[in-house]
Amino acid sequence: MESWEFGRMLRRWRDRVTPEAVGVPTGRRRRATGLRREELAALAGISADYLTRLEQGRATAPSAQVVEALARALRLPDAERDLLHQLAGHAAPGLGVVQSRVTPSVQRLLDRLGHTPVVVYDATWTLVLANAPYDALMGETTSWRGIERNAIWRNLLGPASRVVHTPQEQAEHVARLVADLRLTASRYPADRALRKLVGDLAEAGPRFAELWDSDTPPPAPGDTSKRKIIDHPAVGRITLDCDTLVVALDDLRIMVYTAEPGTEDADRLALAVVLGTQSLTAG
């Protein structure tokens, strides 16, 4: 890694990003024209101390996930994003691998949903980003690392989710996720990280291997499959619509959680978001 040049470029790009462009509130007494370290760190989901060490060249091995998060937070165009990966010692993501790229146009769409719970997954069902309302509704995601960020792993082996499923619904949900991952693997046969993920999931438990090797088609989603019941610890159960939007060219899945306006579920969702975002801000 070219640590000095990597840090220099981070500082340069941080200084040119206006807070308004990335949704960071500004006060009257603000003197900095660009982003503060603490602000960029929060947007990228890393600690301010780690960002300081990266900028000063004292941390020399950022993961591709961290580099991608920084590029996304800085709203870098493709050429600069690729350069940041290269300076970190990583190959720039190519056409034959699963993308976790959130383009500026998609990011603008997400910004407009800033008060709505939204989570973005890549084609392997690995979490790319979750906004603050999503964390308020579902539980904080910022501490998830590695395979913890994969929805298949979390549904098979991870801690209990706040989504309420019957055993049959849970089994069908996992079967659909694994079937979708199998399709992803057929589209990206040269992606080594994808092959490693499949191997790690197979080693983690026998159920994944059974589903992966099964010739049985996954259960078809029913008419009510997008309805989700969330058991929130502060406000109780909330029934929500969960719509999954697919960004075709980038192979991303954007999941948006909403409630019918004027209903008790809408009120509970609003309260959960307020309570959760206040808690996240205080933390």
Protein backbone atom coordinates (compact mmCIF):
# COMPACT_ATOMS: atom_id res chain seq x y z
CA MET A 1 0.00 0.00 0.00
CA GLU A 2 1.21 3.50 -0.87
CA SER A 3 0.21 4.72 2.58
CA TRP A 4 1.47 8.29 2.26
CA GLU A 5 -0.26 8.86 -1.09
CA PHE A 6 -3.42 7.08 0.08
CA GLY A 7 -3.67 9.36 3.10
CA ARG A 8 -2.89 12.47 1.06
CA MET A 9 -5.67 11.71 -1.40
CA LEU A 10 -8.12 10.99 1.41
CA ARG A 11 -7.40 14.38 2.97
CA ARG A 12 -7.63 16.14 -0.39
CA TRP A 13 -10.97 14.56 -1.29
CA ARG A 14 -12.35 15.08 2.23
CA ASP A 15 -11.54 18.79 2.02
CA ARG A 16 -13.42 19.24 -1.24
CA VAL A 17 -16.71 17.58 -0.15
CA THR A 18 -19.23 20.05 1.20
CA PRO A 19 -21.30 18.88 4.17
CA GLU A 20 -24.49 19.77 2.31
CA ALA A 21 -23.58 17.40 -0.53
CA VAL A 22 -23.58 14.39 1.81
CA GLY A 23 -26.40 15.42 4.14
CA VAL A 24 -24.26 16.54 7.09
CA PRO A 25 -25.88 19.38 9.05
CA THR A 26 -23.81 22.52 9.51
CA GLY A 27 -23.87 25.12 12.26
CA ARG A 28 -23.31 28.86 12.12
CA ARG A 29 -19.81 28.72 13.53
CA ARG A 30 -18.46 26.15 11.12
CA ARG A 31 -15.10 27.15 9.65
CA ALA A 32 -14.15 24.00 7.73
CA THR A 33 -15.29 24.08 4.11
CA GLY A 34 -15.00 20.33 3.65
CA LEU A 35 -15.82 17.40 5.90
CA ARG A 36 -14.32 16.97 9.34
CA ARG A 37 -12.62 13.66 10.06
CA GLU A 38 -15.39 12.71 12.48
CA GLU A 39 -18.01 13.36 9.82
CA LEU A 40 -16.32 11.29 7.13
CA ALA A 41 -15.65 8.49 9.61
CA ALA A 42 -19.33 8.40 10.59
CA LEU A 43 -20.43 8.33 6.94
CA ALA A 44 -18.03 5.47 6.19
CA GLY A 45 -18.84 3.50 9.36
CA ILE A 46 -15.30 3.54 10.76
CA SER A 47 -13.78 5.20 13.82
CA ALA A 48 -12.35 8.71 13.64
CA ASP A 49 -9.12 7.37 15.16
CA TYR A 50 -8.75 4.82 12.38
CA LEU A 51 -9.41 7.47 9.74
CA THR A 52 -6.75 9.69 11.34
CA ARG A 53 -4.22 6.85 11.17
CA LEU A 54 -5.12 6.19 7.53
CA GLU A 55 -4.66 9.84 6.61
CA GLN A 56 -1.35 10.02 8.45
CA GLY A 57 -0.05 6.80 6.90
CA ARG A 58 0.10 4.98 10.24
CA ALA A 59 -2.56 2.42 9.24
CA THR A 60 -1.46 0.62 6.10
CA ALA A 61 -3.87 -2.23 5.37
CA PRO A 62 -7.46 -1.01 4.93
CA SER A 63 -9.76 -3.74 3.65
CA ALA A 64 -11.50 -3.42 0.29
CA GLN A 65 -14.72 -3.01 2.29
CA VAL A 66 -13.31 0.02 4.13
CA VAL A 67 -11.93 1.53 0.92
CA GLU A 68 -15.31 1.09 -0.78
CA ALA A 69 -17.08 2.68 2.20
CA LEU A 70 -14.72 5.69 2.05
CA ALA A 71 -15.20 6.04 -1.71
CA ARG A 72 -18.96 5.92 -1.24
CA ALA A 73 -18.92 8.45 1.60
CA LEU A 74 -16.76 10.81 -0.47
CA ARG A 75 -19.04 10.35 -3.53
CA LEU A 76 -16.01 9.56 -5.69
CA PRO A 77 -16.52 9.08 -9.43
CA ASP A 78 -15.42 5.74 -10.89
CA ALA A 79 -11.89 6.78 -11.87
CA GLU A 80 -11.08 8.17 -8.40
CA ARG A 81 -12.73 5.20 -6.69
CA ASP A 82 -10.51 2.85 -8.69
CA LEU A 83 -7.45 4.95 -7.82
CA LEU A 84 -8.27 4.76 -4.10
CA HIS A 85 -8.47 0.96 -4.31
CA GLN A 86 -5.15 0.83 -6.13
CA LEU A 87 -3.43 3.10 -3.60
CA ALA A 88 -4.69 0.78 -0.86
CA GLY A 89 -3.08 -2.17 -2.60
CA HIS A 90 -6.28 -3.66 -4.00
CA ALA A 91 -7.19 -4.37 -7.58
CA ALA A 92 -9.87 -2.04 -8.81
CA PRO A 93 -13.20 -3.91 -8.87
CA GLY A 94 -13.71 -5.30 -12.35
CA LEU A 95 -16.65 -6.31 -14.50
CA GLY A 96 -16.33 -9.98 -13.59
CA VAL A 97 -16.81 -9.56 -9.86
CA VAL A 98 -19.79 -8.76 -7.67
CA GLN A 99 -20.06 -5.00 -7.25
CA SER A 100 -20.73 -3.15 -4.02
CA ARG A 101 -20.61 0.19 -5.82
CA VAL A 102 -23.35 2.69 -4.99
CA THR A 103 -23.29 5.18 -7.84
CA PRO A 104 -23.84 8.90 -7.15
CA SER A 105 -27.26 8.73 -8.82
CA VAL A 106 -28.37 5.82 -6.60
CA GLN A 107 -26.92 7.62 -3.58
CA ARG A 108 -29.06 10.66 -4.41
CA LEU A 109 -32.09 8.37 -4.44
CA LEU A 110 -31.11 7.00 -1.03
CA ASP A 111 -30.62 10.53 0.29
CA ARG A 112 -34.24 11.29 -0.60
CA LEU A 113 -35.25 8.33 1.57
CA GLY A 114 -33.30 9.63 4.53
CA HIS A 115 -36.25 9.27 6.95
CA THR A 116 -37.28 5.82 5.69
CA PRO A 117 -35.60 2.54 6.75
CA VAL A 118 -33.47 1.42 3.80
CA VAL A 119 -30.81 -1.28 3.50
CA VAL A 120 -28.69 -2.09 0.44
CA TYR A 121 -27.26 -5.54 -0.34
CA ASP A 122 -24.98 -6.66 -3.14
CA ALA A 123 -25.71 -9.71 -5.32
CA THR A 124 -24.29 -12.07 -2.66
CA TRP A 125 -26.70 -10.67 -0.06
CA THR A 126 -23.83 -8.99 1.75
CA LEU A 127 -24.77 -5.69 3.35
CA VAL A 128 -23.41 -2.66 1.54
CA LEU A 129 -25.02 0.05 3.64
CA ALA A 130 -27.93 0.66 5.99
CA ASN A 131 -29.23 4.10 6.90
CA ALA A 132 -29.91 5.34 10.43
CA PRO A 133 -33.69 4.67 10.31
CA TYR A 134 -32.98 1.06 9.31
CA ASP A 135 -30.61 0.62 12.25
CA ALA A 136 -33.23 2.20 14.50
CA LEU A 137 -35.82 -0.29 13.29
CA MET A 138 -33.73 -3.46 13.02
CA GLY A 139 -30.77 -2.93 15.32
CA GLU A 140 -27.38 -1.37 14.70
CA THR A 141 -25.37 -2.80 11.79
CA THR A 142 -22.20 -0.70 12.03
CA SER A 143 -20.33 -3.27 14.11
CA TRP A 144 -20.87 -6.12 11.63
CA ARG A 145 -17.66 -7.35 10.04
CA GLY A 146 -16.80 -9.95 7.42
CA ILE A 147 -19.31 -12.76 7.05
CA GLU A 148 -21.50 -11.16 9.72
CA ARG A 149 -22.64 -8.76 6.99
CA ASN A 150 -24.05 -11.58 4.87
CA ALA A 151 -27.82 -12.09 5.14
CA ILE A 152 -27.62 -15.82 4.42
CA TRP A 153 -25.17 -16.36 7.27
CA ARG A 154 -27.25 -14.22 9.60
CA ASN A 155 -30.45 -16.12 8.78
CA LEU A 156 -28.77 -19.51 9.19
CA LEU A 157 -26.35 -18.96 12.05
CA GLY A 158 -26.42 -15.36 13.22
CA PRO A 159 -28.21 -13.80 16.19
CA ALA A 160 -31.99 -13.66 16.15
CA SER A 161 -33.51 -11.08 13.84
CA ARG A 162 -36.31 -8.70 14.76
CA VAL A 163 -38.29 -10.00 11.78
CA VAL A 164 -41.00 -12.41 12.96
CA HIS A 165 -41.13 -15.63 10.90
CA THR A 166 -42.81 -18.96 11.47
CA PRO A 167 -40.38 -21.89 11.10
CA GLN A 168 -41.80 -22.59 7.64
CA GLU A 169 -41.51 -18.95 6.57
CA GLN A 170 -37.93 -18.84 7.81
CA ALA A 171 -37.02 -22.02 5.93
CA GLU A 172 -38.56 -20.68 2.72
CA HIS A 173 -36.83 -17.33 3.16
CA VAL A 174 -33.41 -18.97 3.52
CA ALA A 175 -34.09 -21.26 0.55
CA ARG A 176 -34.86 -18.25 -1.64
CA LEU A 177 -31.68 -16.46 -0.53
CA VAL A 178 -29.50 -19.49 -1.27
CA ALA A 179 -31.16 -20.02 -4.64
CA ASP A 180 -30.49 -16.37 -5.51
CA LEU A 181 -26.85 -16.76 -4.45
CA ARG A 182 -26.58 -19.79 -6.72
CA LEU A 183 -27.75 -17.64 -9.64
CA THR A 184 -25.23 -14.97 -8.65
CA ALA A 185 -22.45 -17.56 -8.68
CA SER A 186 -23.42 -18.54 -12.23
CA ARG A 187 -23.16 -14.89 -13.33
CA TYR A 188 -19.75 -14.30 -11.70
CA PRO A 189 -17.80 -17.55 -12.14
CA ALA A 190 -14.42 -15.77 -11.86
CA ASP A 191 -15.16 -13.97 -8.58
CA ARG A 192 -12.79 -15.46 -6.01
CA ALA A 193 -14.39 -13.63 -3.09
CA LEU A 194 -17.75 -15.12 -4.05
CA ARG A 195 -16.28 -18.62 -4.17
CA LYS A 196 -14.74 -18.06 -0.74
CA LEU A 197 -18.09 -16.90 0.64
CA VAL A 198 -19.79 -20.05 -0.63
CA GLY A 199 -17.06 -22.17 0.96
CA ASP A 200 -17.30 -20.31 4.26
CA LEU A 201 -21.09 -20.70 4.34
CA ALA A 202 -20.77 -24.43 3.57
CA GLU A 203 -18.28 -24.87 6.42
CA ALA A 204 -20.45 -22.91 8.83
CA GLY A 205 -23.30 -25.41 8.85
CA PRO A 206 -24.82 -28.36 6.97
CA ARG A 207 -28.08 -26.61 6.07
CA PHE A 208 -26.42 -24.29 3.56
CA ALA A 209 -24.68 -27.19 1.81
CA GLU A 210 -27.97 -29.07 1.57
CA LEU A 211 -29.71 -26.10 -0.02
CA TRP A 212 -26.77 -25.31 -2.30
CA ASP A 213 -26.66 -28.85 -3.68
CA SER A 214 -30.43 -29.25 -3.90
CA ASP A 215 -32.11 -29.55 -7.29
CA THR A 216 -35.43 -28.53 -5.79
CA PRO A 217 -36.51 -25.06 -6.96
CA PRO A 218 -36.91 -22.50 -4.18
CA PRO A 219 -40.40 -21.72 -2.89
CA ALA A 220 -42.11 -19.09 -4.99
CA PRO A 221 -42.78 -15.87 -3.07
CA GLY A 222 -46.43 -15.58 -2.10
CA ASP A 223 -48.68 -12.57 -2.37
CA THR A 224 -47.86 -11.59 1.20
CA SER A 225 -44.10 -12.23 1.03
CA LYS A 226 -43.24 -8.54 1.12
CA ARG A 227 -45.17 -8.01 4.35
CA LYS A 228 -42.83 -8.08 7.33
CA ILE A 229 -43.64 -8.10 11.03
CA ILE A 230 -40.90 -6.43 13.07
CA ASP A 231 -40.76 -7.08 16.81
CA HIS A 232 -39.25 -3.82 18.01
CA PRO A 233 -38.02 -3.82 21.64
CA ALA A 234 -39.39 -0.35 22.42
CA VAL A 235 -42.64 -0.05 20.46
CA GLY A 236 -43.74 -3.65 19.97
CA ARG A 237 -44.75 -5.35 16.75
CA ILE A 238 -44.96 -3.34 13.52
CA THR A 239 -46.35 -4.70 10.25
CA LEU A 240 -44.57 -3.12 7.29
CA ASP A 241 -44.31 -3.37 3.54
CA CYS A 242 -40.82 -4.38 2.45
CA ASP A 243 -40.20 -3.64 -1.22
CA THR A 244 -36.98 -4.85 -2.83
CA LEU A 245 -35.75 -2.68 -5.71
CA VAL A 246 -33.03 -4.10 -7.96
CA VAL A 247 -30.44 -1.80 -9.54
CA ALA A 248 -29.90 -3.88 -12.67
CA LEU A 249 -26.56 -2.60 -13.97
CA ASP A 250 -24.89 -2.69 -10.55
CA ASP A 251 -26.73 -5.82 -9.33
CA LEU A 252 -27.75 -4.25 -6.02
CA ARG A 253 -30.84 -4.95 -3.91
CA ILE A 254 -32.40 -1.97 -2.15
CA MET A 255 -34.93 -2.93 0.54
CA VAL A 256 -37.33 -0.18 1.64
CA TYR A 257 -39.61 -0.49 4.69
CA THR A 258 -42.81 1.58 4.79
CA ALA A 259 -46.24 1.64 6.43
CA GLU A 260 -49.61 2.87 5.21
CA PRO A 261 -49.94 6.53 6.29
CA GLY A 262 -52.35 7.21 9.11
CA THR A 263 -52.19 3.70 10.56
CA GLU A 264 -50.98 2.51 13.95
CA ASP A 265 -48.10 0.78 12.19
CA ALA A 266 -47.04 4.11 10.64
CA ASP A 267 -47.12 5.73 14.09
CA ARG A 268 -45.09 2.90 15.62
CA LEU A 269 -42.58 3.03 12.80
CA ALA A 270 -42.15 6.78 13.22
CA LEU A 271 -41.67 6.35 16.97
CA ALA A 272 -39.15 3.53 16.50
CA VAL A 273 -37.12 5.69 14.09
CA VAL A 274 -37.17 8.71 16.43
CA LEU A 275 -36.18 6.64 19.48
CA GLY A 276 -33.52 4.72 17.59
CA THR A 277 -31.89 7.66 15.84
CA GLN A 278 -31.75 9.61 19.08
CA SER A 279 -30.10 6.61 20.71
CA LEU A 280 -27.59 6.22 17.86
CA THR A 281 -26.75 9.93 17.97
CA ALA A 282 -26.27 9.83 21.74
CA GLY A 283 -24.02 6.78 21.40
